[in-house]
């Protein structure tokens, strides 16, 4: 109790405590040693949480593509690229095969063409027998065209090779399938078609006035021949020709003892057949075999004429045959050679008796009469439409010139007239 009172009353004071030195609050930190950096050691598996932050790039699958993806994920893309690659290879192979077939045909016929024509090919200079690649020009990967001129009795000749679309199997296969299922759709095939345009006595109109042209004009009459339609046809193509060509449709079909069983003659007269079906032609057709399609001499248009201008006779010679898969043209060159020389035979032998020409001319006159009749009917219809137009214009002008009351009377009068006319027609019919 006494100690307590001393403390309260201030007695027995303790000794003075020393004053705090400046910065005494951080004395513990000041006496601590300075930190030294610890070396960083990487671990293979777990990070060191007690050490400093690692500065090296951590391991992750983002940079290892082979661990994140596999080839199985690109299966669809691989299939698409494979298909594209196959299509490109087939395209290149098909285009190369078509060009090879064209070169084979040109090489087999180069000697014949260069010897028969002064100018062969689409260029301006004559080519030699050693340049078959210049005979035909590529219009597309399945069409090749050629041209020849500069021969007696022939103004010029057009050549066209139509080949299968081997470069595009996506088109070729459906064409084969449709042609197999439907007879009306042709099966794809390689074929040659050529057309000769004879002078027919018109050298003066076609040959330009050059030095020496007078000598040509003196022989004009020797290249002319009578107009008619005559053909030797493969029977497999006969129906197709009748449906597609007007000129052949006006002929009659008759088998001939000289021809093989698969070929026939389409002619307007037996006398024409006797003059044109030579032994040389028969041998060439037999040698060509089933590849032969037709040989046509015609002065009529391929399409049925609808005007008098289209019905004007234009003489031409057509040939068509299919190309052999072996590219061997030994059996087809004689046929094409006869085709080239046929205008010479026509200029000498295609002159017939008046009775034969009257029969041939009667068919053409009948067709001209039908064309003229149709033309007259069309003109009469046009005149009737013009009269109706003028009558209607006159009526509208008269009606617009009247007032409302007069227009009403005009229309009532017109209606009564139509009723009387209809009643009169019913009475006549009864």
Protein backbone atom coordinates (compact mmCIF):
# COMPACT_ATOMS: atom_id res chain seq x y z
CA UNK A 1 0.00 0.00 0.00
CA UNK A 2 2.91 2.30 0.78
CA UNK A 3 4.50 1.62 -2.62
CA UNK A 4 1.26 2.46 -4.31
CA UNK A 5 1.01 5.83 -2.60
CA UNK A 6 4.59 6.63 -3.46
CA UNK A 7 3.93 6.06 -7.05
CA UNK A 8 0.84 8.27 -6.99
CA UNK A 9 2.43 11.11 -5.09
CA UNK A 10 5.60 11.03 -7.27
CA UNK A 11 8.01 9.66 -4.83
CA UNK A 12 10.84 7.25 -5.63
CA UNK A 13 11.14 8.37 -9.35
CA UNK A 14 13.01 6.02 -11.67
CA UNK A 15 16.20 7.03 -13.38
CA UNK A 16 15.91 8.94 -16.56
CA UNK A 17 15.82 6.74 -19.71
CA UNK A 18 18.17 7.73 -22.45
CA UNK A 19 16.68 9.75 -25.32
CA UNK A 20 15.95 7.88 -28.53
CA UNK A 21 18.41 8.42 -31.29
CA UNK A 22 17.27 9.59 -34.60
CA UNK A 23 16.35 6.69 -36.90
CA UNK A 24 16.10 4.29 -34.03
CA UNK A 25 12.86 2.84 -35.55
CA UNK A 26 14.87 1.34 -38.48
CA UNK A 27 17.84 0.22 -36.42
CA UNK A 28 17.09 -3.45 -37.02
CA UNK A 29 17.05 -2.89 -40.77
CA UNK A 30 20.14 -0.80 -40.78
CA UNK A 31 22.11 -3.44 -38.98
CA UNK A 32 20.95 -6.22 -41.44
CA UNK A 33 23.51 -7.19 -44.16
CA UNK A 34 22.89 -6.11 -47.76
CA UNK A 35 21.12 -8.77 -49.86
CA UNK A 36 23.10 -10.56 -52.52
CA UNK A 37 21.42 -12.02 -55.70
CA UNK A 38 21.00 -15.75 -55.79
CA UNK A 39 21.80 -17.64 -58.99
CA UNK A 40 18.75 -18.90 -60.94
CA UNK A 41 18.52 -22.61 -61.33
CA UNK A 42 15.87 -24.11 -63.62
CA UNK A 43 14.13 -27.28 -62.62
CA UNK A 44 12.95 -29.97 -64.96
CA UNK A 45 9.49 -30.44 -63.55
CA UNK A 46 8.13 -28.01 -60.95
CA UNK A 47 8.78 -24.27 -60.70
CA UNK A 48 10.76 -22.88 -57.69
CA UNK A 49 8.25 -20.77 -55.78
CA UNK A 50 10.85 -19.64 -53.21
CA UNK A 51 13.36 -18.38 -55.77
CA UNK A 52 13.33 -15.49 -58.20
CA UNK A 53 10.93 -15.38 -61.18
CA UNK A 54 12.38 -17.39 -64.08
CA UNK A 55 13.30 -15.36 -67.16
CA UNK A 56 13.67 -18.21 -69.72
CA UNK A 57 10.74 -19.10 -72.14
CA UNK A 58 8.62 -21.76 -70.45
CA UNK A 59 7.85 -25.05 -72.16
CA UNK A 60 4.47 -25.08 -73.98
CA UNK A 61 2.77 -27.11 -76.76
CA UNK A 62 1.85 -23.94 -78.67
CA UNK A 63 5.27 -23.95 -80.36
CA UNK A 64 5.20 -27.68 -81.14
CA UNK A 65 2.71 -28.02 -84.00
CA UNK A 66 3.35 -31.74 -84.39
CA UNK A 67 2.07 -32.29 -80.84
CA UNK A 68 -1.03 -30.14 -81.26
CA UNK A 69 -2.15 -31.49 -84.71
CA UNK A 70 -1.91 -34.66 -86.78
CA UNK A 71 -2.27 -35.51 -90.49
CA UNK A 72 -5.64 -37.16 -89.83
CA UNK A 73 -7.15 -33.72 -89.26
CA UNK A 74 -6.39 -32.78 -92.90
CA UNK A 75 -7.95 -35.86 -94.48
CA UNK A 76 -10.68 -33.88 -96.30
CA UNK A 77 -8.20 -31.38 -97.68
CA UNK A 78 -5.96 -34.20 -98.81
CA UNK A 79 -8.82 -35.89 -100.68
CA UNK A 80 -9.75 -32.62 -102.41
CA UNK A 81 -6.16 -31.93 -103.43
CA UNK A 82 -5.80 -35.49 -104.71
CA UNK A 83 -8.93 -35.16 -106.85
CA UNK A 84 -7.73 -31.82 -108.24
CA UNK A 85 -4.36 -33.37 -109.05
CA UNK A 86 -5.97 -36.32 -110.86
CA UNK A 87 -8.25 -34.00 -112.87
CA UNK A 88 -5.28 -31.83 -113.89
CA UNK A 89 -3.30 -34.88 -114.96
CA UNK A 90 -6.25 -36.21 -117.00
CA UNK A 91 -6.70 -32.78 -118.57
CA UNK A 92 -3.06 -32.60 -119.66
CA UNK A 93 -3.07 -36.22 -120.86
CA UNK A 94 -6.34 -35.78 -122.82
CA UNK A 95 -5.21 -32.55 -124.47
CA UNK A 96 -1.90 -34.15 -125.45
CA UNK A 97 -3.71 -37.19 -126.87
CA UNK A 98 -6.03 -35.00 -128.99
CA UNK A 99 -3.08 -33.07 -130.39
CA UNK A 100 -1.32 -36.34 -131.16
CA UNK A 101 -4.35 -37.60 -133.14
CA UNK A 102 -4.46 -34.34 -135.06
CA UNK A 103 -0.77 -34.57 -135.93
CA UNK A 104 -1.23 -38.18 -137.06
CA UNK A 105 -4.05 -37.19 -139.45
CA UNK A 106 -2.11 -34.23 -140.83
CA UNK A 107 1.01 -36.32 -141.35
CA UNK A 108 -0.94 -39.01 -143.22
CA UNK A 109 -2.62 -36.47 -145.55
CA UNK A 110 0.15 -33.90 -145.93
CA UNK A 111 1.48 -35.39 -149.17
CA UNK A 112 -1.99 -35.51 -150.76
CA UNK A 113 -2.98 -31.98 -149.78
CA UNK A 114 0.30 -30.30 -150.74
CA UNK A 115 0.27 -32.02 -154.14
CA UNK A 116 -3.37 -31.18 -154.94
CA UNK A 117 -3.61 -27.58 -153.67
CA UNK A 118 -1.43 -24.54 -154.18
CA UNK A 119 -2.14 -23.23 -150.66
CA UNK A 120 -2.74 -25.45 -147.63
CA UNK A 121 -3.28 -24.21 -144.10
CA UNK A 122 -4.44 -20.93 -142.67
CA UNK A 123 -1.18 -19.11 -143.41
CA UNK A 124 -0.35 -16.97 -146.41
CA UNK A 125 2.48 -19.11 -147.74
CA UNK A 126 2.58 -22.62 -149.12
CA UNK A 127 3.77 -25.33 -146.76
CA UNK A 128 5.85 -28.36 -147.64
CA UNK A 129 5.14 -32.02 -147.07
CA UNK A 130 7.55 -31.94 -144.12
CA UNK A 131 5.41 -29.39 -142.23
CA UNK A 132 2.21 -31.29 -141.36
CA UNK A 133 1.79 -29.37 -138.11
CA UNK A 134 0.84 -26.26 -140.16
CA UNK A 135 -2.07 -27.92 -141.96
CA UNK A 136 -4.53 -27.70 -139.06
CA UNK A 137 -5.04 -24.95 -136.52
CA UNK A 138 -6.27 -25.54 -133.00
CA UNK A 139 -9.57 -23.75 -132.40
CA UNK A 140 -10.11 -25.52 -129.09
CA UNK A 141 -8.85 -28.65 -127.37
CA UNK A 142 -11.40 -30.73 -129.30
CA UNK A 143 -11.76 -28.79 -132.59
CA UNK A 144 -9.09 -28.34 -135.25
CA UNK A 145 -9.66 -26.51 -138.55
CA UNK A 146 -7.89 -26.51 -141.89
CA UNK A 147 -8.17 -24.75 -145.23
CA UNK A 148 -6.95 -25.42 -148.77
CA UNK A 149 -7.32 -23.54 -152.04
CA UNK A 150 -5.66 -23.17 -155.41
CA UNK A 151 -6.88 -26.14 -157.45
CA UNK A 152 -8.66 -26.57 -160.74
CA UNK A 153 -12.46 -26.91 -160.41
CA UNK A 154 -12.24 -26.20 -156.64
CA UNK A 155 -12.67 -22.74 -155.15
CA UNK A 156 -11.61 -23.84 -151.67
CA UNK A 157 -11.98 -26.63 -149.12
CA UNK A 158 -12.73 -26.48 -145.39
CA UNK A 159 -11.51 -29.21 -143.02
CA UNK A 160 -12.69 -29.79 -139.48
CA UNK A 161 -11.57 -32.42 -136.98
CA UNK A 162 -13.98 -32.94 -134.08
CA UNK A 163 -12.47 -34.98 -131.26
CA UNK A 164 -13.74 -36.32 -127.98
CA UNK A 165 -13.30 -34.15 -124.89
CA UNK A 166 -10.67 -36.38 -123.36
CA UNK A 167 -9.31 -33.42 -121.43
CA UNK A 168 -12.52 -33.15 -119.39
CA UNK A 169 -13.68 -36.52 -118.01
CA UNK A 170 -16.44 -34.82 -116.03
CA UNK A 171 -18.09 -33.98 -119.38
CA UNK A 172 -17.00 -36.97 -121.44
CA UNK A 173 -18.38 -39.65 -119.11
CA UNK A 174 -21.93 -38.15 -118.91
CA UNK A 175 -21.95 -37.77 -122.71
CA UNK A 176 -21.08 -41.44 -123.07
CA UNK A 177 -23.78 -42.42 -120.58
CA UNK A 178 -26.50 -40.30 -122.21
CA UNK A 179 -25.53 -41.50 -125.69
CA UNK A 180 -25.72 -45.10 -124.49
CA UNK A 181 -29.17 -44.64 -122.93
CA UNK A 182 -30.81 -42.43 -125.58
CA UNK A 183 -30.54 -43.04 -129.33
CA UNK A 184 -31.35 -39.43 -130.14
CA UNK A 185 -28.15 -38.27 -128.41
CA UNK A 186 -24.93 -39.07 -130.34
CA UNK A 187 -22.15 -40.98 -128.65
CA UNK A 188 -18.87 -38.98 -128.49
CA UNK A 189 -16.46 -39.96 -131.26
CA UNK A 190 -13.48 -38.66 -133.22
CA UNK A 191 -14.48 -37.62 -136.72
CA UNK A 192 -13.37 -35.65 -139.75
CA UNK A 193 -15.70 -33.46 -141.77
CA UNK A 194 -14.66 -31.65 -144.94
CA UNK A 195 -16.53 -29.50 -147.45
CA UNK A 196 -15.46 -28.66 -151.02
CA UNK A 197 -16.90 -25.58 -152.74
CA UNK A 198 -16.58 -26.11 -156.53
CA UNK A 199 -16.11 -23.24 -158.96
CA UNK A 200 -19.13 -24.43 -160.99
CA UNK A 201 -18.21 -22.09 -163.85
CA UNK A 202 -17.91 -19.02 -161.63
CA UNK A 203 -14.15 -18.53 -161.75
CA UNK A 204 -14.59 -14.99 -163.07
CA UNK A 205 -16.56 -14.03 -159.95
CA UNK A 206 -14.23 -15.74 -157.47
CA UNK A 207 -10.71 -15.51 -158.89
CA UNK A 208 -9.31 -11.96 -158.52
CA UNK A 209 -8.21 -10.14 -161.70
CA UNK A 210 -4.56 -11.14 -161.66
CA UNK A 211 -2.16 -11.75 -164.56
CA UNK A 212 -3.16 -14.96 -166.25
CA UNK A 213 -6.79 -14.76 -165.12
CA UNK A 214 -7.95 -14.49 -168.71
CA UNK A 215 -6.78 -18.04 -169.31
CA UNK A 216 -8.79 -19.21 -166.31
CA UNK A 217 -11.92 -17.43 -167.52
CA UNK A 218 -11.65 -19.17 -170.87
CA UNK A 219 -12.13 -22.48 -169.08
CA UNK A 220 -15.12 -21.41 -166.97
CA UNK A 221 -17.62 -23.59 -168.78
CA UNK A 222 -15.54 -26.73 -168.17
CA UNK A 223 -15.95 -26.62 -164.38
CA UNK A 224 -19.76 -26.35 -164.39
CA UNK A 225 -22.04 -29.36 -163.81
CA UNK A 226 -25.75 -29.96 -163.30
CA UNK A 227 -27.36 -29.45 -159.91
CA UNK A 228 -28.66 -32.46 -157.95
CA UNK A 229 -28.43 -34.25 -154.60
CA UNK A 230 -26.64 -37.59 -154.42
CA UNK A 231 -25.00 -39.46 -151.57
CA UNK A 232 -23.38 -42.69 -150.47
CA UNK A 233 -24.28 -43.23 -146.82
CA UNK A 234 -23.56 -45.64 -144.01
CA UNK A 235 -26.94 -47.14 -143.07
CA UNK A 236 -26.29 -46.43 -139.40
CA UNK A 237 -26.28 -42.71 -140.22
CA UNK A 238 -29.14 -42.69 -142.74
CA UNK A 239 -31.98 -41.84 -140.35
CA UNK A 240 -29.91 -39.18 -138.61
CA UNK A 241 -29.10 -37.54 -141.96
CA UNK A 242 -32.73 -37.49 -143.06
CA UNK A 243 -33.75 -35.83 -139.81
CA UNK A 244 -30.95 -33.25 -139.72
CA UNK A 245 -30.37 -32.37 -143.39
CA UNK A 246 -32.98 -31.01 -145.76
CA UNK A 247 -31.00 -31.72 -148.93
CA UNK A 248 -30.75 -35.45 -148.23
CA UNK A 249 -34.41 -35.68 -147.21
CA UNK A 250 -35.59 -34.98 -150.78
CA UNK A 251 -33.80 -38.07 -152.14
CA UNK A 252 -34.89 -41.70 -152.31
CA UNK A 253 -32.87 -44.56 -150.84
CA UNK A 254 -31.91 -47.63 -152.83
CA UNK A 255 -29.33 -50.33 -152.20
CA UNK A 256 -26.75 -51.01 -154.87
CA UNK A 257 -25.12 -54.31 -155.75
CA UNK A 258 -21.64 -52.79 -155.90
CA UNK A 259 -21.74 -51.39 -152.37
CA UNK A 260 -21.28 -53.43 -149.17
CA UNK A 261 -24.40 -54.39 -147.25
CA UNK A 262 -23.89 -51.66 -144.62
CA UNK A 263 -23.88 -48.83 -147.23
CA UNK A 264 -26.60 -47.45 -149.48
CA UNK A 265 -27.23 -44.79 -152.13
CA UNK A 266 -29.49 -41.76 -151.69
CA UNK A 267 -30.26 -40.22 -155.05
CA UNK A 268 -32.82 -38.24 -157.04
CA UNK A 269 -32.40 -40.38 -160.16
CA UNK A 270 -30.95 -43.77 -161.11
CA UNK A 271 -29.09 -42.15 -164.00
CA UNK A 272 -27.23 -39.90 -161.53
CA UNK A 273 -26.20 -42.96 -159.53
CA UNK A 274 -24.96 -44.71 -162.64
CA UNK A 275 -22.75 -41.74 -163.52
CA UNK A 276 -21.31 -41.10 -160.04
CA UNK A 277 -20.96 -44.52 -158.42
CA UNK A 278 -17.61 -45.45 -159.95
CA UNK A 279 -15.52 -48.52 -159.18
CA UNK A 280 -12.86 -46.31 -157.59
CA UNK A 281 -15.42 -44.89 -155.14
CA UNK A 282 -16.78 -48.34 -154.33
CA UNK A 283 -13.28 -49.65 -153.58
CA UNK A 284 -12.52 -46.63 -151.38
CA UNK A 285 -15.75 -47.10 -149.40
CA UNK A 286 -15.09 -50.81 -148.91
CA UNK A 287 -11.55 -50.11 -147.77
CA UNK A 288 -12.71 -47.44 -145.29
CA UNK A 289 -15.15 -49.92 -143.76
CA UNK A 290 -17.45 -48.98 -140.89
CA UNK A 291 -15.49 -45.78 -140.25
CA UNK A 292 -17.14 -44.26 -143.34
CA UNK A 293 -20.22 -42.11 -142.61
CA UNK A 294 -21.21 -40.37 -145.85
CA UNK A 295 -20.17 -38.68 -149.09
CA UNK A 296 -22.71 -36.12 -150.34
CA UNK A 297 -22.93 -34.04 -153.52
CA UNK A 298 -25.60 -31.37 -153.08
CA UNK A 299 -26.87 -28.12 -154.52
CA UNK A 300 -29.49 -27.60 -151.79
CA UNK A 301 -29.11 -26.03 -148.33
CA UNK A 302 -28.61 -28.19 -145.26
CA UNK A 303 -31.42 -26.40 -143.40
CA UNK A 304 -34.85 -26.21 -144.98
CA UNK A 305 -35.08 -22.86 -146.79
CA UNK A 306 -37.62 -20.36 -145.52
CA UNK A 307 -37.01 -17.58 -148.04
CA UNK A 308 -36.35 -17.49 -151.76
CA UNK A 309 -32.79 -16.28 -151.14
CA UNK A 310 -32.05 -19.37 -149.05
CA UNK A 311 -33.45 -21.64 -151.79
CA UNK A 312 -30.87 -20.49 -154.34
CA UNK A 313 -28.79 -23.58 -155.34
CA UNK A 314 -25.21 -23.65 -154.02
CA UNK A 315 -23.16 -26.66 -155.01
CA UNK A 316 -20.98 -28.33 -152.39
CA UNK A 317 -19.42 -31.72 -151.67
CA UNK A 318 -19.37 -33.15 -148.14
CA UNK A 319 -17.50 -36.04 -146.57
CA UNK A 320 -17.40 -37.41 -143.05
CA UNK A 321 -15.69 -40.39 -141.49
CA UNK A 322 -14.58 -41.43 -138.01
CA UNK A 323 -10.93 -41.47 -137.06
CA UNK A 324 -9.33 -44.84 -136.22
CA UNK A 325 -8.14 -45.35 -132.67
CA UNK A 326 -4.85 -46.74 -133.97
CA UNK A 327 -4.07 -43.54 -135.95
CA UNK A 328 -3.48 -45.72 -139.03
CA UNK A 329 -4.95 -43.95 -142.07
CA UNK A 330 -3.86 -46.31 -144.85
CA UNK A 331 -7.47 -47.38 -145.43
CA UNK A 332 -8.89 -43.84 -145.29
CA UNK A 333 -6.44 -41.88 -147.45
CA UNK A 334 -7.87 -43.37 -150.73
CA UNK A 335 -11.36 -42.20 -149.72
CA UNK A 336 -10.17 -38.67 -148.97
CA UNK A 337 -8.13 -38.65 -152.19
CA UNK A 338 -11.25 -39.54 -154.20
CA UNK A 339 -13.16 -36.81 -152.38
CA UNK A 340 -10.56 -34.19 -153.38
CA UNK A 341 -10.63 -35.29 -157.04
CA UNK A 342 -14.42 -35.69 -157.24
CA UNK A 343 -14.99 -32.16 -158.68
CA UNK A 344 -12.97 -33.19 -161.74
CA UNK A 345 -15.27 -36.16 -162.30
CA UNK A 346 -18.37 -34.03 -161.79
CA UNK A 347 -17.17 -31.45 -164.33
CA UNK A 348 -16.88 -34.17 -166.98
CA UNK A 349 -19.63 -36.69 -166.12
CA UNK A 350 -22.38 -34.80 -164.22
CA UNK A 351 -24.29 -33.65 -167.31
CA UNK A 352 -27.63 -35.42 -167.71
CA UNK A 353 -30.55 -35.67 -170.09
CA UNK A 354 -33.30 -33.02 -169.98
CA UNK A 355 -35.77 -35.62 -168.68
CA UNK A 356 -33.63 -36.28 -165.64
CA UNK A 357 -33.11 -32.58 -164.95
CA UNK A 358 -36.87 -31.90 -165.25
CA UNK A 359 -37.52 -34.51 -162.57
CA UNK A 360 -34.87 -32.97 -160.34
CA UNK A 361 -36.13 -29.46 -161.01
CA UNK A 362 -39.75 -30.37 -160.21
CA UNK A 363 -38.86 -31.05 -156.56
CA UNK A 364 -37.13 -27.69 -156.25
CA UNK A 365 -40.00 -25.87 -157.98
CA UNK A 366 -42.47 -27.44 -155.57
CA UNK A 367 -40.43 -26.24 -152.63
CA UNK A 368 -40.16 -22.76 -154.14
CA UNK A 369 -43.94 -22.67 -154.56
CA UNK A 370 -44.43 -23.54 -150.90
CA UNK A 371 -41.97 -20.84 -149.87
CA UNK A 372 -43.71 -18.32 -152.11
CA UNK A 373 -47.12 -19.31 -150.71
CA UNK A 374 -45.92 -18.85 -147.15
CA UNK A 375 -44.37 -15.51 -148.07
CA UNK A 376 -47.67 -14.36 -149.66
CA UNK A 377 -49.62 -15.45 -146.59
CA UNK A 378 -47.26 -13.53 -144.34
CA UNK A 379 -47.58 -10.42 -146.49
CA UNK A 380 -51.39 -10.73 -146.52
CA UNK A 381 -51.39 -11.04 -142.73
CA UNK A 382 -49.17 -7.99 -142.44
CA UNK A 383 -51.49 -6.01 -144.72
CA UNK A 384 -54.52 -7.08 -142.67
CA UNK A 385 -52.81 -6.01 -139.47
CA UNK A 386 -51.95 -2.66 -141.05
CA UNK A 387 -55.58 -2.13 -142.13
CA UNK A 388 -56.80 -2.95 -138.63
CA UNK A 389 -54.29 -0.54 -137.16
CA UNK A 390 -55.37 2.28 -139.48
CA UNK A 391 -59.06 1.55 -138.85
CA UNK A 392 -58.53 1.63 -135.09
CA UNK A 393 -56.56 4.87 -135.31
CA UNK A 394 -59.36 6.46 -137.37
CA UNK A 395 -62.00 5.28 -134.87
CA UNK A 396 -60.04 6.64 -131.89
CA UNK A 397 -59.60 9.99 -133.63
CA UNK A 398 -63.34 10.27 -134.38
CA UNK A 399 -64.24 9.23 -130.83
CA UNK A 400 -61.89 11.76 -129.23
CA UNK A 401 -63.38 14.56 -131.32
CA UNK A 402 -66.88 14.02 -129.83
CA UNK A 403 -68.25 15.15 -126.49
CA UNK A 404 -69.39 12.74 -123.78
CA UNK A 405 -73.01 12.46 -125.00
CA UNK A 406 -71.99 11.90 -128.60
CA UNK A 407 -69.36 9.35 -127.55
CA UNK A 408 -72.02 7.38 -125.69
CA UNK A 409 -74.26 7.29 -128.77
CA UNK A 410 -71.28 6.33 -130.94
CA UNK A 411 -70.37 3.39 -128.69
CA UNK A 412 -74.01 2.20 -128.48
CA UNK A 413 -74.30 2.30 -132.26
CA UNK A 414 -71.02 0.36 -132.59
CA UNK A 415 -72.23 -2.25 -130.09
CA UNK A 416 -75.52 -2.74 -131.99
CA UNK A 417 -73.59 -3.22 -135.21
CA UNK A 418 -71.43 -5.94 -133.61
CA UNK A 419 -74.53 -7.71 -132.25
CA UNK A 420 -76.18 -7.74 -135.71
CA UNK A 421 -72.96 -9.06 -137.27
CA UNK A 422 -72.71 -11.88 -134.71
CA UNK A 423 -76.35 -12.82 -135.20
CA UNK A 424 -75.86 -12.91 -138.98
CA UNK A 425 -72.88 -15.27 -138.59
CA UNK A 426 -74.94 -17.61 -136.40
CA UNK A 427 -77.73 -17.63 -138.98
CA UNK A 428 -75.33 -18.48 -141.82
CA UNK A 429 -73.75 -21.34 -139.79
CA UNK A 430 -77.20 -22.76 -138.97
